[in-house]
Amino acid sequence: MKSINIVILDSSEDFLTQLKSYFDQSEEFNVCGASGNGSVGISLINQFKPEVVVLNLVLSGTDGLGVMDYIKQNKLPCSVIVVSNFGDDKIINTAIARGARYYFVKPVSAENIAMRITDILSQKSPSYNASPEVRDKRRAASIDEKISNIFISIGIPPHIKGYQYLREGIKMAIENPAIINSVTKELYPEIGKKFSTTASKVERAIRHAIEVAWNRGRVDAINAIFGVRVYIGSERPTNSEFIALVADKLILEDLM
């Protein structure tokens, strides 16, 4: 029996078809409605009362933010996941303030969206009955979400390449803390292999991502995340220092 009811709202017919096809093949999900029109989406939400709404911000009729406002104002118990073409941090922060539980920037795979849905629902309801395969993926999904939340808070935009490389590097350091001592020989080449690029490009992209955050002057936000005054003014960490800092924080949280 399928346990998660979903409404999908996106202006791209191709994306709607792709996502619906993936969910229809799964035993975990039931797509009870799909549309590229936000006004129609509101009707679908009222009719089917889904646990999850996956939506794009760009919709005909009522836009994605309008749909989120409706859900929030009417206190509807559905979780909203935004899948958008826009990676601007102001838009991301606005969506989260309106109630989005997670924000994806396209392109994104249906599998990643599905993993995020199960992770969010398991946090809301510990009794949610997922399959063993889904449960095995939850820790990785939770780590992804925590890393993404840190990046959003300090101002690393998800549309730059360094965002993905940095996230992968942090996950590698969590699984194998010793790799932080071999970033040039092991970490960068492994990331490059996964993303079909060179180690030097990985290093530069990660450095750029960190520079973007520091140039936005969010040092106070960075210090707040880690609970201590780690950096002052324009002082910026090296790639390995930043990766180790975030990885250590998440490892400690997992032990608590």
C-alpha atoms as a PDB file:
ATOM      1  CA  MET A   1       0.000   0.000   0.000  1.00  0.00           C
ATOM      2  CA  LYS A   2       1.337   3.427  -0.921  1.00  0.00           C
ATOM      3  CA  SER A   3       1.654   5.628   2.157  1.00  0.00           C
ATOM      4  CA  ILE A   4       2.651   9.127   0.999  1.00  0.00           C
ATOM      5  CA  ASN A   5       0.212  11.272  -0.972  1.00  0.00           C
ATOM      6  CA  ILE A   6       1.879  13.936  -3.112  1.00  0.00           C
ATOM      7  CA  VAL A   7       0.734  16.876  -5.237  1.00  0.00           C
ATOM      8  CA  ILE A   8       3.250  18.077  -7.843  1.00  0.00           C
ATOM      9  CA  LEU A   9       3.055  21.624  -9.233  1.00  0.00           C
ATOM     10  CA  ASP A  10       5.483  22.607 -11.975  1.00  0.00           C
ATOM     11  CA  SER A  11       5.254  24.603 -15.191  1.00  0.00           C
ATOM     12  CA  SER A  12       7.471  22.085 -17.025  1.00  0.00           C
ATOM     13  CA  GLU A  13       5.507  19.210 -18.547  1.00  0.00           C
ATOM     14  CA  ASP A  14       8.721  17.202 -18.902  1.00  0.00           C
ATOM     15  CA  PHE A  15       9.537  17.582 -15.215  1.00  0.00           C
ATOM     16  CA  LEU A  16       5.978  16.683 -14.191  1.00  0.00           C
ATOM     17  CA  THR A  17       6.101  13.550 -16.325  1.00  0.00           C
ATOM     18  CA  GLN A  18       9.553  12.559 -15.061  1.00  0.00           C
ATOM     19  CA  LEU A  19       8.669  13.000 -11.396  1.00  0.00           C
ATOM     20  CA  LYS A  20       5.247  11.371 -11.661  1.00  0.00           C
ATOM     21  CA  SER A  21       6.716   8.396 -13.522  1.00  0.00           C
ATOM     22  CA  TYR A  22       9.326   7.866 -10.803  1.00  0.00           C
ATOM     23  CA  PHE A  23       6.814   8.083  -7.957  1.00  0.00           C
ATOM     24  CA  ASP A  24       4.305   5.828  -9.724  1.00  0.00           C
ATOM     25  CA  GLN A  25       6.928   3.074  -9.853  1.00  0.00           C
ATOM     26  CA  SER A  26       7.578   3.324  -6.120  1.00  0.00           C
ATOM     27  CA  GLU A  27       5.674   1.578  -3.356  1.00  0.00           C
ATOM     28  CA  GLU A  28       6.213   4.561  -1.060  1.00  0.00           C
ATOM     29  CA  PHE A  29       4.424   7.293  -3.015  1.00  0.00           C
ATOM     30  CA  ASN A  30       1.060   8.120  -4.529  1.00  0.00           C
ATOM     31  CA  VAL A  31       0.782  11.125  -6.868  1.00  0.00           C
ATOM     32  CA  CYS A  32      -2.801  12.253  -6.314  1.00  0.00           C
ATOM     33  CA  GLY A  33      -2.554  15.376  -8.477  1.00  0.00           C
ATOM     34  CA  ALA A  34      -0.221  17.278 -10.809  1.00  0.00           C
ATOM     35  CA  SER A  35      -0.538  20.636 -12.556  1.00  0.00           C
ATOM     36  CA  GLY A  36       1.367  23.631 -13.881  1.00  0.00           C
ATOM     37  CA  ASN A  37      -1.281  26.012 -12.530  1.00  0.00           C
ATOM     38  CA  GLY A  38      -1.057  27.191  -8.935  1.00  0.00           C
ATOM     39  CA  SER A  39      -4.783  27.899  -8.623  1.00  0.00           C
ATOM     40  CA  VAL A  40      -5.537  24.352  -9.763  1.00  0.00           C
ATOM     41  CA  GLY A  41      -2.871  23.198  -7.329  1.00  0.00           C
ATOM     42  CA  ILE A  42      -4.692  24.811  -4.407  1.00  0.00           C
ATOM     43  CA  SER A  43      -7.847  22.934  -5.415  1.00  0.00           C
ATOM     44  CA  LEU A  44      -5.880  19.675  -5.597  1.00  0.00           C
ATOM     45  CA  ILE A  45      -4.403  20.310  -2.155  1.00  0.00           C
ATOM     46  CA  ASN A  46      -7.857  20.953  -0.683  1.00  0.00           C
ATOM     47  CA  GLN A  47      -9.298  17.889  -2.404  1.00  0.00           C
ATOM     48  CA  PHE A  48      -6.613  15.312  -1.629  1.00  0.00           C
ATOM     49  CA  LYS A  49      -4.971  16.764   1.501  1.00  0.00           C
ATOM     50  CA  PRO A  50      -1.510  15.422   0.583  1.00  0.00           C
ATOM     51  CA  GLU A  51       1.320  14.929   3.031  1.00  0.00           C
ATOM     52  CA  VAL A  52       3.724  16.605   0.594  1.00  0.00           C
ATOM     53  CA  VAL A  53       3.527  19.311  -2.077  1.00  0.00           C
ATOM     54  CA  VAL A  54       6.438  19.526  -4.527  1.00  0.00           C
ATOM     55  CA  LEU A  55       6.249  22.849  -6.337  1.00  0.00           C
ATOM     56  CA  ASN A  56       8.067  25.278  -8.585  1.00  0.00           C
ATOM     57  CA  LEU A  57       7.893  28.988  -7.807  1.00  0.00           C
ATOM     58  CA  VAL A  58       6.978  29.769 -11.428  1.00  0.00           C
ATOM     59  CA  LEU A  59       3.393  28.639 -12.065  1.00  0.00           C
ATOM     60  CA  SER A  60       0.503  30.012 -14.088  1.00  0.00           C
ATOM     61  CA  GLY A  61      -2.461  31.346 -12.127  1.00  0.00           C
ATOM     62  CA  THR A  62      -1.257  31.552  -8.541  1.00  0.00           C
ATOM     63  CA  ASP A  63       2.542  31.375  -8.307  1.00  0.00           C
ATOM     64  CA  GLY A  64       4.458  29.057  -6.004  1.00  0.00           C
ATOM     65  CA  LEU A  65       4.830  31.604  -3.205  1.00  0.00           C
ATOM     66  CA  GLY A  66       1.084  32.239  -3.379  1.00  0.00           C
ATOM     67  CA  VAL A  67       0.400  28.525  -2.988  1.00  0.00           C
ATOM     68  CA  MET A  68       2.749  28.412  -0.001  1.00  0.00           C
ATOM     69  CA  ASP A  69       1.016  31.426   1.548  1.00  0.00           C
ATOM     70  CA  TYR A  70      -2.337  29.658   1.156  1.00  0.00           C
ATOM     71  CA  ILE A  71      -1.003  26.519   2.840  1.00  0.00           C
ATOM     72  CA  LYS A  72       0.483  28.531   5.702  1.00  0.00           C
ATOM     73  CA  GLN A  73      -2.536  30.803   6.226  1.00  0.00           C
ATOM     74  CA  ASN A  74      -4.921  27.854   6.297  1.00  0.00           C
ATOM     75  CA  LYS A  75      -2.589  25.816   8.507  1.00  0.00           C
ATOM     76  CA  LEU A  76      -2.687  22.842   6.166  1.00  0.00           C
ATOM     77  CA  PRO A  77      -0.549  19.942   7.473  1.00  0.00           C
ATOM     78  CA  CYS A  78       1.464  19.339   4.315  1.00  0.00           C
ATOM     79  CA  SER A  79       5.207  19.701   3.862  1.00  0.00           C
ATOM     80  CA  VAL A  80       6.351  21.858   0.943  1.00  0.00           C
ATOM     81  CA  ILE A  81       9.448  21.090  -1.097  1.00  0.00           C
ATOM     82  CA  VAL A  82      10.452  23.746  -3.629  1.00  0.00           C
ATOM     83  CA  VAL A  83      12.140  22.718  -6.879  1.00  0.00           C
ATOM     84  CA  SER A  84      13.170  25.864  -8.734  1.00  0.00           C
ATOM     85  CA  ASN A  85      15.337  27.193 -11.534  1.00  0.00           C
ATOM     86  CA  PHE A  86      16.475  30.060  -9.303  1.00  0.00           C
ATOM     87  CA  GLY A  87      19.468  29.733  -6.981  1.00  0.00           C
ATOM     88  CA  ASP A  88      19.525  33.290  -5.637  1.00  0.00           C
ATOM     89  CA  ASP A  89      19.902  33.208  -1.857  1.00  0.00           C
ATOM     90  CA  LYS A  90      17.247  35.917  -1.358  1.00  0.00           C
ATOM     91  CA  ILE A  91      14.686  33.791  -3.183  1.00  0.00           C
ATOM     92  CA  ILE A  92      15.750  30.707  -1.235  1.00  0.00           C
ATOM     93  CA  ASN A  93      15.433  32.529   2.097  1.00  0.00           C
ATOM     94  CA  THR A  94      12.022  33.903   1.074  1.00  0.00           C
ATOM     95  CA  ALA A  95      10.766  30.421   0.203  1.00  0.00           C
ATOM     96  CA  ILE A  96      12.004  29.005   3.497  1.00  0.00           C
ATOM     97  CA  ALA A  97      10.381  31.889   5.387  1.00  0.00           C
ATOM     98  CA  ARG A  98       7.083  31.083   3.622  1.00  0.00           C
ATOM     99  CA  GLY A  99       7.245  27.522   4.887  1.00  0.00           C
ATOM    100  CA  ALA A 100       9.381  25.462   2.489  1.00  0.00           C
ATOM    101  CA  ARG A 101      10.930  22.473   4.234  1.00  0.00           C
ATOM    102  CA  TYR A 102      13.575  22.161   1.538  1.00  0.00           C
ATOM    103  CA  TYR A 103      14.727  24.005  -1.589  1.00  0.00           C
ATOM    104  CA  PHE A 104      16.188  22.241  -4.631  1.00  0.00           C
ATOM    105  CA  VAL A 105      17.755  24.028  -7.590  1.00  0.00           C
ATOM    106  CA  LYS A 106      17.258  22.271 -10.929  1.00  0.00           C
ATOM    107  CA  PRO A 107      18.559  20.012 -12.294  1.00  0.00           C
ATOM    108  CA  VAL A 108      17.705  17.555  -9.525  1.00  0.00           C
ATOM    109  CA  SER A 109      16.939  13.855  -9.716  1.00  0.00           C
ATOM    110  CA  ALA A 110      13.610  12.361  -8.702  1.00  0.00           C
ATOM    111  CA  GLU A 111      15.507  10.009  -6.393  1.00  0.00           C
ATOM    112  CA  ASN A 112      16.975  12.911  -4.410  1.00  0.00           C
ATOM    113  CA  ILE A 113      13.546  14.481  -4.055  1.00  0.00           C
ATOM    114  CA  ALA A 114      12.109  11.156  -2.873  1.00  0.00           C
ATOM    115  CA  MET A 115      14.880  10.777  -0.287  1.00  0.00           C
ATOM    116  CA  ARG A 116      14.239  14.262   1.034  1.00  0.00           C
ATOM    117  CA  ILE A 117      10.501  13.573   1.307  1.00  0.00           C
ATOM    118  CA  THR A 118      10.997  10.432   3.379  1.00  0.00           C
ATOM    119  CA  ASP A 119      13.531  12.199   5.587  1.00  0.00           C
ATOM    120  CA  ILE A 120      11.194  15.125   6.258  1.00  0.00           C
ATOM    121  CA  LEU A 121       8.231  12.865   7.030  1.00  0.00           C
ATOM    122  CA  SER A 122      10.284  10.702   9.364  1.00  0.00           C
ATOM    123  CA  GLN A 123      11.231  13.835  11.315  1.00  0.00           C
ATOM    124  CA  LYS A 124       7.591  14.929  11.550  1.00  0.00           C
ATOM    125  CA  SER A 125       6.317  11.463  12.496  1.00  0.00           C
ATOM    126  CA  PRO A 126       8.689   8.862  13.965  1.00  0.00           C
ATOM    127  CA  SER A 127       5.990   6.229  13.378  1.00  0.00           C
ATOM    128  CA  TYR A 128       6.115   6.774   9.611  1.00  0.00           C
ATOM    129  CA  ASN A 129       6.503   3.271   8.195  1.00  0.00           C
ATOM    130  CA  ALA A 130       9.126   3.373   5.460  1.00  0.00           C
ATOM    131  CA  SER A 131      10.745   0.387   3.811  1.00  0.00           C
ATOM    132  CA  PRO A 132      14.137  -0.885   5.078  1.00  0.00           C
ATOM    133  CA  GLU A 133      15.775   0.435   1.910  1.00  0.00           C
ATOM    134  CA  VAL A 134      14.406   3.920   2.586  1.00  0.00           C
ATOM    135  CA  ARG A 135      15.486   3.790   6.228  1.00  0.00           C
ATOM    136  CA  ASP A 136      19.016   2.913   5.124  1.00  0.00           C
ATOM    137  CA  LYS A 137      19.144   6.124   3.083  1.00  0.00           C
ATOM    138  CA  ARG A 138      17.849   8.430   5.792  1.00  0.00           C
ATOM    139  CA  ARG A 139      21.129   9.198   7.522  1.00  0.00           C
ATOM    140  CA  ALA A 140      22.696  10.316   4.248  1.00  0.00           C
ATOM    141  CA  ALA A 141      19.625  12.402   3.420  1.00  0.00           C
ATOM    142  CA  SER A 142      19.698  14.032   6.859  1.00  0.00           C
ATOM    143  CA  ILE A 143      23.376  14.933   6.460  1.00  0.00           C
ATOM    144  CA  ASP A 144      22.648  16.454   3.044  1.00  0.00           C
ATOM    145  CA  GLU A 145      19.925  18.612   4.567  1.00  0.00           C
ATOM    146  CA  LYS A 146      22.101  19.773   7.455  1.00  0.00           C
ATOM    147  CA  ILE A 147      24.927  20.717   5.091  1.00  0.00           C
ATOM    148  CA  SER A 148      22.529  22.568   2.791  1.00  0.00           C
ATOM    149  CA  ASN A 149      21.055  24.490   5.740  1.00  0.00           C
ATOM    150  CA  ILE A 150      24.546  25.571   6.804  1.00  0.00           C
ATOM    151  CA  PHE A 151      25.368  26.701   3.268  1.00  0.00           C
ATOM    152  CA  ILE A 152      22.131  28.701   3.018  1.00  0.00           C
ATOM    153  CA  SER A 153      22.760  30.361   6.389  1.00  0.00           C
ATOM    154  CA  ILE A 154      26.276  31.506   5.545  1.00  0.00           C
ATOM    155  CA  GLY A 155      25.497  32.510   1.963  1.00  0.00           C
ATOM    156  CA  ILE A 156      26.880  29.809  -0.336  1.00  0.00           C
ATOM    157  CA  PRO A 157      24.466  29.761  -3.316  1.00  0.00           C
ATOM    158  CA  PRO A 158      23.465  26.308  -4.618  1.00  0.00           C
ATOM    159  CA  HIS A 159      23.885  27.187  -8.293  1.00  0.00           C
ATOM    160  CA  ILE A 160      27.689  27.446  -8.195  1.00  0.00           C
ATOM    161  CA  LYS A 161      29.809  24.332  -8.789  1.00  0.00           C
ATOM    162  CA  GLY A 162      31.691  24.745  -5.529  1.00  0.00           C
ATOM    163  CA  TYR A 163      28.450  24.123  -3.625  1.00  0.00           C
ATOM    164  CA  GLN A 164      28.220  20.512  -4.841  1.00  0.00           C
ATOM    165  CA  TYR A 165      31.948  19.870  -4.530  1.00  0.00           C
ATOM    166  CA  LEU A 166      32.083  21.311  -1.019  1.00  0.00           C
ATOM    167  CA  ARG A 167      29.069  19.282   0.090  1.00  0.00           C
ATOM    168  CA  GLU A 168      30.639  16.103  -1.274  1.00  0.00           C
ATOM    169  CA  GLY A 169      33.936  16.895   0.449  1.00  0.00           C
ATOM    170  CA  ILE A 170      32.216  17.381   3.801  1.00  0.00           C
ATOM    171  CA  LYS A 171      30.364  14.072   3.440  1.00  0.00           C
ATOM    172  CA  MET A 172      33.645  12.321   2.616  1.00  0.00           C
ATOM    173  CA  ALA A 173      35.276  13.870   5.703  1.00  0.00           C
ATOM    174  CA  ILE A 174      32.387  12.672   7.868  1.00  0.00           C
ATOM    175  CA  GLU A 175      32.804   9.106   6.625  1.00  0.00           C
ATOM    176  CA  ASN A 176      36.605   9.241   6.780  1.00  0.00           C
ATOM    177  CA  PRO A 177      37.963  12.108   8.936  1.00  0.00           C
ATOM    178  CA  ALA A 178      41.563  11.205   8.052  1.00  0.00           C
ATOM    179  CA  ILE A 179      41.001  12.248   4.442  1.00  0.00           C
ATOM    180  CA  ILE A 180      41.206  15.890   5.521  1.00  0.00           C
ATOM    181  CA  ASN A 181      44.966  15.368   5.807  1.00  0.00           C
ATOM    182  CA  SER A 182      45.137  14.393   2.127  1.00  0.00           C
ATOM    183  CA  VAL A 183      42.885  16.882   0.370  1.00  0.00           C
ATOM    184  CA  THR A 184      45.200  17.313  -2.600  1.00  0.00           C
ATOM    185  CA  LYS A 185      46.050  13.649  -3.123  1.00  0.00           C
ATOM    186  CA  GLU A 186      42.722  12.040  -2.217  1.00  0.00           C
ATOM    187  CA  LEU A 187      39.758  14.326  -1.558  1.00  0.00           C
ATOM    188  CA  TYR A 188      39.943  16.610  -4.619  1.00  0.00           C
ATOM    189  CA  PRO A 189      40.680  13.743  -7.053  1.00  0.00           C
ATOM    190  CA  GLU A 190      37.791  11.655  -5.651  1.00  0.00           C
ATOM    191  CA  ILE A 191      35.348  14.548  -6.002  1.00  0.00           C
ATOM    192  CA  GLY A 192      36.668  15.247  -9.488  1.00  0.00           C
ATOM    193  CA  LYS A 193      36.141  11.622 -10.457  1.00  0.00           C
ATOM    194  CA  LYS A 194      32.540  11.694  -9.257  1.00  0.00           C
ATOM    195  CA  PHE A 195      31.708  14.902 -11.128  1.00  0.00           C
ATOM    196  CA  SER A 196      33.855  14.182 -14.210  1.00  0.00           C
ATOM    197  CA  THR A 197      36.244  17.084 -13.693  1.00  0.00           C
ATOM    198  CA  THR A 198      39.823  17.697 -12.545  1.00  0.00           C
ATOM    199  CA  ALA A 199      41.150  17.967  -9.005  1.00  0.00           C
ATOM    200  CA  SER A 200      42.437  21.492  -9.679  1.00  0.00           C
ATOM    201  CA  LYS A 201      38.998  22.652 -10.829  1.00  0.00           C
ATOM    202  CA  VAL A 202      37.460  21.137  -7.710  1.00  0.00           C
ATOM    203  CA  GLU A 203      39.953  22.996  -5.515  1.00  0.00           C
ATOM    204  CA  ARG A 204      39.287  26.333  -7.244  1.00  0.00           C
ATOM    205  CA  ALA A 205      35.510  25.903  -7.165  1.00  0.00           C
ATOM    206  CA  ILE A 206      35.500  25.099  -3.445  1.00  0.00           C
ATOM    207  CA  ARG A 207      37.760  28.071  -2.717  1.00  0.00           C
ATOM    208  CA  HIS A 208      35.411  30.302  -4.725  1.00  0.00           C
ATOM    209  CA  ALA A 209      32.360  29.040  -2.799  1.00  0.00           C
ATOM    210  CA  ILE A 210      33.996  29.864   0.527  1.00  0.00           C
ATOM    211  CA  GLU A 211      35.098  33.280  -0.771  1.00  0.00           C
ATOM    212  CA  VAL A 212      31.524  34.044  -1.861  1.00  0.00           C
ATOM    213  CA  ALA A 213      30.247  33.380   1.662  1.00  0.00           C
ATOM    214  CA  TRP A 214      32.949  35.490   3.295  1.00  0.00           C
ATOM    215  CA  ASN A 215      32.569  38.346   0.818  1.00  0.00           C
ATOM    216  CA  ARG A 216      28.902  38.569   1.772  1.00  0.00           C
ATOM    217  CA  GLY A 217      29.988  39.510   5.270  1.00  0.00           C
ATOM    218  CA  ARG A 218      28.155  36.790   7.156  1.00  0.00           C
ATOM    219  CA  VAL A 219      30.920  36.085   9.650  1.00  0.00           C
ATOM    220  CA  ASP A 220      28.485  36.591  12.555  1.00  0.00           C
ATOM    221  CA  ALA A 221      26.154  33.983  11.061  1.00  0.00           C
ATOM    222  CA  ILE A 222      29.083  31.619  10.624  1.00  0.00           C
ATOM    223  CA  ASN A 223      30.196  32.070  14.223  1.00  0.00           C
ATOM    224  CA  ALA A 224      26.593  31.585  15.406  1.00  0.00           C
ATOM    225  CA  ILE A 225      26.326  28.264  13.565  1.00  0.00           C
ATOM    226  CA  PHE A 226      29.420  26.860  15.234  1.00  0.00           C
ATOM    227  CA  GLY A 227      28.618  28.350  18.638  1.00  0.00           C
ATOM    228  CA  VAL A 228      31.959  30.109  19.073  1.00  0.00           C
ATOM    229  CA  ARG A 229      33.789  33.047  17.519  1.00  0.00           C
ATOM    230  CA  VAL A 230      35.674  31.047  14.915  1.00  0.00           C
ATOM    231  CA  TYR A 231      36.519  33.900  12.560  1.00  0.00           C
ATOM    232  CA  ILE A 232      36.862  37.664  12.846  1.00  0.00           C
ATOM    233  CA  GLY A 233      36.338  40.235  10.100  1.00  0.00           C
ATOM    234  CA  SER A 234      37.710  39.220   6.712  1.00  0.00           C
ATOM    235  CA  GLU A 235      39.671  36.261   8.083  1.00  0.00           C
ATOM    236  CA  ARG A 236      38.846  33.288   5.848  1.00  0.00           C
ATOM    237  CA  PRO A 237      39.527  29.555   6.353  1.00  0.00           C
ATOM    238  CA  THR A 238      41.345  27.365   3.883  1.00  0.00           C
ATOM    239  CA  ASN A 239      39.362  24.729   2.011  1.00  0.00           C
ATOM    240  CA  SER A 240      40.510  21.943   4.327  1.00  0.00           C
ATOM    241  CA  GLU A 241      39.833  24.016   7.455  1.00  0.00           C
ATOM    242  CA  PHE A 242      36.276  24.773   6.399  1.00  0.00           C
ATOM    243  CA  ILE A 243      35.526  21.179   5.374  1.00  0.00           C
ATOM    244  CA  ALA A 244      36.936  19.883   8.673  1.00  0.00           C
ATOM    245  CA  LEU A 245      34.986  22.471  10.677  1.00  0.00           C
ATOM    246  CA  VAL A 246      31.621  21.530   9.181  1.00  0.00           C
ATOM    247  CA  ALA A 247      32.362  17.791   9.214  1.00  0.00           C
ATOM    248  CA  ASP A 248      33.394  17.880  12.892  1.00  0.00           C
ATOM    249  CA  LYS A 249      30.230  19.789  13.800  1.00  0.00           C
ATOM    250  CA  LEU A 250      27.998  17.230  12.082  1.00  0.00           C
ATOM    251  CA  ILE A 251      29.903  14.261  13.543  1.00  0.00           C
ATOM    252  CA  LEU A 252      29.444  15.672  17.053  1.00  0.00           C
ATOM    253  CA  GLU A 253      25.738  16.314  16.436  1.00  0.00           C
ATOM    254  CA  ASP A 254      25.311  12.703  15.313  1.00  0.00           C
ATOM    255  CA  LEU A 255      26.893  11.473  18.555  1.00  0.00           C
ATOM    256  CA  MET A 256      24.619  13.554  20.787  1.00  0.00           C
END
